Amino acid sequence: MNHNVHHLPRLGLSSAMRLFGVTARALRFYEERGLIEARRDRLNTRYYDPVARERLEWIARLRKADVPLPQIHKVLEAEGLPARTACAVDTLRRRRETVVAQLAAIDAALADLQGPDAVATAAR
């Protein structure tokens, strides 16, 4: 993802939606859950400072891998980039193991229902 927007002093709601591929509802939800903090200007309009943008980048990246929000919260709470990266890698590896196990269960169910040729056909 690595957007070069971290130098900007602020980023509005619509720009954040566009850059990170999330809805306004998702941004508000992340704020309610304490994952990000939106600032307000004198007109009470939400904007995202560099810290919030960095957190949004992590959230967007992990949500694309279908990582649940409690696990994303743990990643965001890690101190410093190396620790956060290590936590994210560990989280994604565990997520991958879960998905591989789910695929194996689906393949077994297909084999039970349709015979061994169905698994090879479904994998194509």
N, C-alpha and C. Protein backbone atom coordinates (compact mmCIF):
# COMPACT_ATOMS: atom_id res chain seq x y z
N MET A 1 0.84 -1.18 0.00
CA MET A 1 0.00 0.00 0.00
C MET A 1 0.88 1.24 0.00
N ASN A 2 1.65 1.49 1.00
CA ASN A 2 2.69 2.51 1.09
C ASN A 2 2.37 3.81 0.36
N HIS A 3 1.31 4.47 0.77
CA HIS A 3 0.94 5.77 0.21
C HIS A 3 1.89 6.84 0.73
N ASN A 4 2.24 7.76 -0.11
CA ASN A 4 3.14 8.83 0.31
C ASN A 4 2.32 10.04 0.76
N VAL A 5 1.53 9.85 1.80
CA VAL A 5 0.70 10.93 2.33
C VAL A 5 1.07 11.28 3.76
N HIS A 6 2.10 10.64 4.29
CA HIS A 6 2.44 10.85 5.69
C HIS A 6 3.02 12.24 5.95
N HIS A 7 3.49 12.90 4.91
CA HIS A 7 4.04 14.24 5.08
C HIS A 7 2.95 15.31 5.17
N LEU A 8 1.74 14.98 4.75
CA LEU A 8 0.65 15.96 4.77
C LEU A 8 0.22 16.21 6.21
N PRO A 9 -0.10 17.46 6.56
CA PRO A 9 -0.49 17.74 7.94
C PRO A 9 -1.83 17.13 8.32
N ARG A 10 -2.72 16.96 7.36
CA ARG A 10 -4.04 16.41 7.67
C ARG A 10 -4.67 15.82 6.42
N LEU A 11 -5.57 14.92 6.63
CA LEU A 11 -6.25 14.24 5.54
C LEU A 11 -7.72 14.15 5.92
N GLY A 12 -8.61 14.64 5.06
CA GLY A 12 -10.03 14.63 5.35
C GLY A 12 -10.64 13.25 5.19
N LEU A 13 -11.89 13.15 5.62
CA LEU A 13 -12.62 11.88 5.60
C LEU A 13 -12.71 11.30 4.19
N SER A 14 -13.12 12.10 3.21
CA SER A 14 -13.29 11.57 1.85
C SER A 14 -11.96 11.14 1.25
N SER A 15 -10.90 11.87 1.52
CA SER A 15 -9.58 11.48 1.02
C SER A 15 -9.11 10.20 1.68
N ALA A 16 -9.36 10.06 2.97
CA ALA A 16 -8.98 8.83 3.68
C ALA A 16 -9.76 7.64 3.12
N MET A 17 -11.03 7.85 2.84
CA MET A 17 -11.84 6.77 2.26
C MET A 17 -11.23 6.30 0.94
N ARG A 18 -10.89 7.24 0.13
CA ARG A 18 -10.34 6.94 -1.20
C ARG A 18 -8.97 6.27 -1.09
N LEU A 19 -8.09 6.83 -0.29
CA LEU A 19 -6.72 6.31 -0.17
C LEU A 19 -6.64 4.92 0.42
N PHE A 20 -7.47 4.65 1.43
CA PHE A 20 -7.38 3.39 2.15
C PHE A 20 -8.46 2.38 1.76
N GLY A 21 -9.34 2.79 0.86
CA GLY A 21 -10.36 1.87 0.36
C GLY A 21 -11.36 1.44 1.41
N VAL A 22 -11.76 2.38 2.26
CA VAL A 22 -12.74 2.09 3.32
C VAL A 22 -13.91 3.06 3.20
N THR A 23 -14.99 2.72 3.85
CA THR A 23 -16.16 3.58 3.85
C THR A 23 -16.11 4.55 5.03
N ALA A 24 -16.93 5.56 4.97
CA ALA A 24 -17.04 6.50 6.09
C ALA A 24 -17.52 5.77 7.34
N ARG A 25 -18.41 4.84 7.13
CA ARG A 25 -18.93 4.05 8.27
C ARG A 25 -17.80 3.25 8.92
N ALA A 26 -16.93 2.65 8.10
CA ALA A 26 -15.80 1.89 8.64
C ALA A 26 -14.86 2.81 9.42
N LEU A 27 -14.59 3.99 8.90
CA LEU A 27 -13.72 4.92 9.60
C LEU A 27 -14.31 5.30 10.96
N ARG A 28 -15.59 5.57 10.99
CA ARG A 28 -16.24 5.91 12.26
C ARG A 28 -16.20 4.71 13.21
N PHE A 29 -16.41 3.52 12.67
CA PHE A 29 -16.38 2.31 13.48
C PHE A 29 -14.99 2.10 14.09
N TYR A 30 -13.94 2.29 13.29
CA TYR A 30 -12.57 2.16 13.80
C TYR A 30 -12.31 3.18 14.90
N GLU A 31 -12.88 4.36 14.73
CA GLU A 31 -12.73 5.40 15.74
C GLU A 31 -13.46 5.00 17.04
N GLU A 32 -14.69 4.49 16.89
CA GLU A 32 -15.46 4.05 18.06
C GLU A 32 -14.74 2.94 18.82
N ARG A 33 -14.07 2.06 18.09
CA ARG A 33 -13.36 0.93 18.70
C ARG A 33 -11.98 1.31 19.24
N GLY A 34 -11.59 2.55 19.04
CA GLY A 34 -10.31 3.01 19.57
C GLY A 34 -9.11 2.64 18.72
N LEU A 35 -9.34 2.21 17.48
CA LEU A 35 -8.23 1.85 16.61
C LEU A 35 -7.55 3.08 16.01
N ILE A 36 -8.33 4.12 15.77
CA ILE A 36 -7.79 5.38 15.25
C ILE A 36 -8.42 6.53 16.02
N GLU A 37 -7.80 7.68 15.91
CA GLU A 37 -8.36 8.88 16.51
C GLU A 37 -8.45 9.95 15.44
N ALA A 38 -9.66 10.38 15.17
CA ALA A 38 -9.87 11.46 14.21
C ALA A 38 -9.85 12.78 14.98
N ARG A 39 -9.17 13.73 14.43
CA ARG A 39 -9.15 15.08 15.00
C ARG A 39 -10.34 15.84 14.41
N ARG A 40 -10.64 16.98 15.00
CA ARG A 40 -11.70 17.85 14.50
C ARG A 40 -11.15 19.25 14.30
N ASP A 41 -11.56 19.87 13.19
CA ASP A 41 -11.15 21.25 12.98
C ASP A 41 -12.18 22.18 13.61
N ARG A 42 -12.01 23.47 13.40
CA ARG A 42 -12.92 24.44 14.04
C ARG A 42 -14.35 24.35 13.52
N LEU A 43 -14.54 23.71 12.36
CA LEU A 43 -15.89 23.49 11.82
C LEU A 43 -16.44 22.11 12.19
N ASN A 44 -15.71 21.43 13.10
CA ASN A 44 -16.08 20.10 13.58
C ASN A 44 -16.00 19.02 12.49
N THR A 45 -15.15 19.24 11.50
CA THR A 45 -14.95 18.28 10.42
C THR A 45 -13.82 17.34 10.80
N ARG A 46 -14.05 16.04 10.61
CA ARG A 46 -13.02 15.05 10.91
C ARG A 46 -11.83 15.19 9.96
N TYR A 47 -10.65 14.98 10.51
CA TYR A 47 -9.45 14.83 9.69
C TYR A 47 -8.50 13.88 10.40
N TYR A 48 -7.56 13.36 9.65
CA TYR A 48 -6.64 12.35 10.17
C TYR A 48 -5.22 12.87 10.07
N ASP A 49 -4.55 12.90 11.23
CA ASP A 49 -3.16 13.35 11.28
C ASP A 49 -2.23 12.20 10.87
N PRO A 50 -0.92 12.43 10.81
CA PRO A 50 0.00 11.37 10.37
C PRO A 50 -0.08 10.09 11.20
N VAL A 51 -0.29 10.19 12.49
CA VAL A 51 -0.40 8.99 13.34
C VAL A 51 -1.63 8.18 12.95
N ALA A 52 -2.76 8.84 12.79
CA ALA A 52 -3.99 8.14 12.39
C ALA A 52 -3.84 7.53 11.00
N ARG A 53 -3.19 8.23 10.10
CA ARG A 53 -3.00 7.70 8.74
C ARG A 53 -2.13 6.45 8.75
N GLU A 54 -1.09 6.46 9.57
CA GLU A 54 -0.25 5.28 9.67
C GLU A 54 -1.05 4.09 10.20
N ARG A 55 -1.88 4.33 11.20
CA ARG A 55 -2.71 3.27 11.76
C ARG A 55 -3.74 2.79 10.72
N LEU A 56 -4.30 3.72 9.96
CA LEU A 56 -5.24 3.34 8.91
C LEU A 56 -4.58 2.47 7.85
N GLU A 57 -3.35 2.77 7.55
CA GLU A 57 -2.63 1.96 6.56
C GLU A 57 -2.46 0.52 7.06
N TRP A 58 -2.12 0.37 8.34
CA TRP A 58 -2.02 -0.97 8.92
C TRP A 58 -3.38 -1.67 8.92
N ILE A 59 -4.41 -0.96 9.31
CA ILE A 59 -5.76 -1.54 9.36
C ILE A 59 -6.17 -2.01 7.97
N ALA A 60 -6.01 -1.16 6.97
CA ALA A 60 -6.43 -1.51 5.61
C ALA A 60 -5.67 -2.73 5.11
N ARG A 61 -4.38 -2.77 5.36
CA ARG A 61 -3.56 -3.90 4.91
C ARG A 61 -4.02 -5.21 5.57
N LEU A 62 -4.26 -5.17 6.87
CA LEU A 62 -4.66 -6.39 7.58
C LEU A 62 -6.10 -6.79 7.30
N ARG A 63 -6.98 -5.81 7.11
CA ARG A 63 -8.38 -6.14 6.77
C ARG A 63 -8.46 -6.82 5.40
N LYS A 64 -7.57 -6.46 4.47
CA LYS A 64 -7.55 -7.13 3.17
C LYS A 64 -7.27 -8.62 3.32
N ALA A 65 -6.55 -8.98 4.37
CA ALA A 65 -6.25 -10.38 4.65
C ALA A 65 -7.30 -10.98 5.58
N ASP A 66 -8.38 -10.24 5.82
CA ASP A 66 -9.50 -10.69 6.65
C ASP A 66 -9.10 -10.96 8.11
N VAL A 67 -8.15 -10.17 8.60
CA VAL A 67 -7.73 -10.28 10.00
C VAL A 67 -8.80 -9.61 10.86
N PRO A 68 -9.27 -10.29 11.90
CA PRO A 68 -10.29 -9.70 12.78
C PRO A 68 -9.77 -8.47 13.53
N LEU A 69 -10.67 -7.56 13.87
CA LEU A 69 -10.29 -6.32 14.53
C LEU A 69 -9.56 -6.51 15.86
N PRO A 70 -9.93 -7.47 16.69
CA PRO A 70 -9.16 -7.63 17.94
C PRO A 70 -7.68 -7.95 17.67
N GLN A 71 -7.40 -8.71 16.64
CA GLN A 71 -6.01 -9.02 16.30
C GLN A 71 -5.32 -7.80 15.70
N ILE A 72 -6.05 -7.01 14.93
CA ILE A 72 -5.49 -5.76 14.39
C ILE A 72 -5.15 -4.82 15.53
N HIS A 73 -6.01 -4.77 16.53
CA HIS A 73 -5.77 -3.92 17.70
C HIS A 73 -4.45 -4.32 18.37
N LYS A 74 -4.19 -5.62 18.50
CA LYS A 74 -2.93 -6.08 19.10
C LYS A 74 -1.73 -5.62 18.28
N VAL A 75 -1.86 -5.69 16.96
CA VAL A 75 -0.77 -5.23 16.09
C VAL A 75 -0.52 -3.75 16.31
N LEU A 76 -1.58 -2.97 16.35
CA LEU A 76 -1.45 -1.52 16.50
C LEU A 76 -0.87 -1.13 17.85
N GLU A 77 -1.06 -1.95 18.84
CA GLU A 77 -0.57 -1.65 20.18
C GLU A 77 0.91 -1.99 20.35
N ALA A 78 1.50 -2.71 19.40
CA ALA A 78 2.92 -3.04 19.48
C ALA A 78 3.74 -1.75 19.38
N GLU A 79 4.76 -1.64 20.22
CA GLU A 79 5.59 -0.44 20.29
C GLU A 79 6.67 -0.45 19.21
N GLY A 80 6.68 0.53 18.36
CA GLY A 80 7.71 0.68 17.35
C GLY A 80 7.45 -0.15 16.11
N LEU A 81 8.03 0.29 15.01
CA LEU A 81 7.82 -0.38 13.73
C LEU A 81 8.31 -1.83 13.71
N PRO A 82 9.50 -2.14 14.22
CA PRO A 82 9.92 -3.55 14.19
C PRO A 82 8.99 -4.48 14.97
N ALA A 83 8.57 -4.05 16.14
CA ALA A 83 7.65 -4.88 16.94
C ALA A 83 6.29 -5.00 16.26
N ARG A 84 5.81 -3.91 15.69
CA ARG A 84 4.51 -3.93 15.00
C ARG A 84 4.58 -4.84 13.78
N THR A 85 5.67 -4.75 13.04
CA THR A 85 5.83 -5.59 11.85
C THR A 85 5.90 -7.06 12.26
N ALA A 86 6.67 -7.38 13.29
CA ALA A 86 6.78 -8.76 13.76
C ALA A 86 5.42 -9.29 14.21
N CYS A 87 4.66 -8.47 14.91
CA CYS A 87 3.33 -8.87 15.37
C CYS A 87 2.40 -9.10 14.18
N ALA A 88 2.47 -8.22 13.18
CA ALA A 88 1.63 -8.36 11.98
C ALA A 88 1.99 -9.63 11.21
N VAL A 89 3.29 -9.91 11.06
CA VAL A 89 3.73 -11.11 10.36
C VAL A 89 3.23 -12.35 11.09
N ASP A 90 3.35 -12.37 12.41
CA ASP A 90 2.87 -13.51 13.20
C ASP A 90 1.36 -13.67 13.05
N THR A 91 0.64 -12.56 13.09
CA THR A 91 -0.82 -12.59 12.93
C THR A 91 -1.20 -13.13 11.55
N LEU A 92 -0.51 -12.67 10.51
CA LEU A 92 -0.83 -13.13 9.16
C LEU A 92 -0.47 -14.61 8.97
N ARG A 93 0.60 -15.05 9.58
CA ARG A 93 0.96 -16.48 9.49
C ARG A 93 -0.12 -17.34 10.15
N ARG A 94 -0.58 -16.91 11.33
CA ARG A 94 -1.65 -17.66 12.00
C ARG A 94 -2.94 -17.63 11.17
N ARG A 95 -3.23 -16.49 10.57
CA ARG A 95 -4.42 -16.37 9.72
C ARG A 95 -4.31 -17.32 8.53
N ARG A 96 -3.11 -17.39 7.94
CA ARG A 96 -2.88 -18.30 6.81
C ARG A 96 -3.09 -19.75 7.22
N GLU A 97 -2.58 -20.14 8.37
CA GLU A 97 -2.78 -21.51 8.87
C GLU A 97 -4.26 -21.82 9.02
N THR A 98 -5.01 -20.88 9.53
CA THR A 98 -6.46 -21.06 9.69
C THR A 98 -7.14 -21.26 8.34
N VAL A 99 -6.77 -20.43 7.37
CA VAL A 99 -7.38 -20.52 6.04
C VAL A 99 -7.01 -21.85 5.37
N VAL A 100 -5.76 -22.28 5.51
CA VAL A 100 -5.34 -23.56 4.93
C VAL A 100 -6.14 -24.70 5.54
N ALA A 101 -6.35 -24.66 6.86
CA ALA A 101 -7.15 -25.70 7.53
C ALA A 101 -8.60 -25.66 7.04
N GLN A 102 -9.13 -24.47 6.85
CA GLN A 102 -10.50 -24.35 6.34
C GLN A 102 -10.61 -24.90 4.93
N LEU A 103 -9.62 -24.63 4.08
CA LEU A 103 -9.62 -25.17 2.72
C LEU A 103 -9.55 -26.69 2.73
N ALA A 104 -8.76 -27.25 3.62
CA ALA A 104 -8.67 -28.71 3.73
C ALA A 104 -10.02 -29.29 4.14
N ALA A 105 -10.71 -28.62 5.05
CA ALA A 105 -12.03 -29.10 5.48
C ALA A 105 -13.04 -29.00 4.33
N ILE A 106 -12.95 -27.94 3.54
CA ILE A 106 -13.84 -27.78 2.38
C ILE A 106 -13.55 -28.86 1.35
N ASP A 107 -12.27 -29.12 1.08
CA ASP A 107 -11.91 -30.17 0.13
C ASP A 107 -12.41 -31.53 0.59
N ALA A 108 -12.32 -31.80 1.88
CA ALA A 108 -12.81 -33.07 2.41
C ALA A 108 -14.33 -33.18 2.26
N ALA A 109 -15.03 -32.09 2.52
CA ALA A 109 -16.49 -32.09 2.38
C ALA A 109 -16.88 -32.31 0.92
N LEU A 110 -16.15 -31.66 -0.01
CA LEU A 110 -16.40 -31.87 -1.43
C LEU A 110 -16.17 -33.32 -1.82
N ALA A 111 -15.09 -33.90 -1.33
CA ALA A 111 -14.78 -35.29 -1.65
C ALA A 111 -15.87 -36.21 -1.14
N ASP A 112 -16.39 -35.92 0.06
CA ASP A 112 -17.46 -36.74 0.63
C ASP A 112 -18.74 -36.64 -0.21
N LEU A 113 -19.02 -35.45 -0.69
CA LEU A 113 -20.28 -35.23 -1.41
C LEU A 113 -20.21 -35.64 -2.88
N GLN A 114 -19.07 -35.44 -3.53
CA GLN A 114 -19.01 -35.62 -4.97
C GLN A 114 -17.97 -36.62 -5.44
N GLY A 115 -17.20 -37.14 -4.55
CA GLY A 115 -16.17 -38.08 -4.96
C GLY A 115 -14.84 -37.38 -5.14
N PRO A 116 -13.76 -38.14 -5.31
CA PRO A 116 -12.41 -37.57 -5.37
C PRO A 116 -12.16 -36.65 -6.56
N ASP A 117 -12.85 -36.83 -7.67
CA ASP A 117 -12.64 -35.97 -8.83
C ASP A 117 -13.14 -34.56 -8.62
N ALA A 118 -14.07 -34.35 -7.69
CA ALA A 118 -14.65 -33.02 -7.45
C ALA A 118 -13.61 -32.07 -6.86
N VAL A 119 -12.71 -32.59 -6.03
CA VAL A 119 -11.70 -31.73 -5.43
C VAL A 119 -10.77 -31.18 -6.49
N ALA A 120 -10.33 -32.02 -7.42
CA ALA A 120 -9.44 -31.56 -8.48
C ALA A 120 -10.15 -30.56 -9.39
N THR A 121 -11.43 -30.76 -9.66
CA THR A 121 -12.19 -29.85 -10.50
C THR A 121 -12.40 -28.52 -9.77
N ALA A 122 -12.70 -28.56 -8.48
CA ALA A 122 -12.94 -27.34 -7.71
C ALA A 122 -11.69 -26.50 -7.57
N ALA A 123 -10.53 -27.13 -7.54
CA ALA A 123 -9.28 -26.41 -7.38
C ALA A 123 -8.90 -25.65 -8.63
N ARG A 124 -9.45 -26.00 -9.77
CA ARG A 124 -9.10 -25.32 -11.02
C ARG A 124 -9.75 -24.01 -11.16
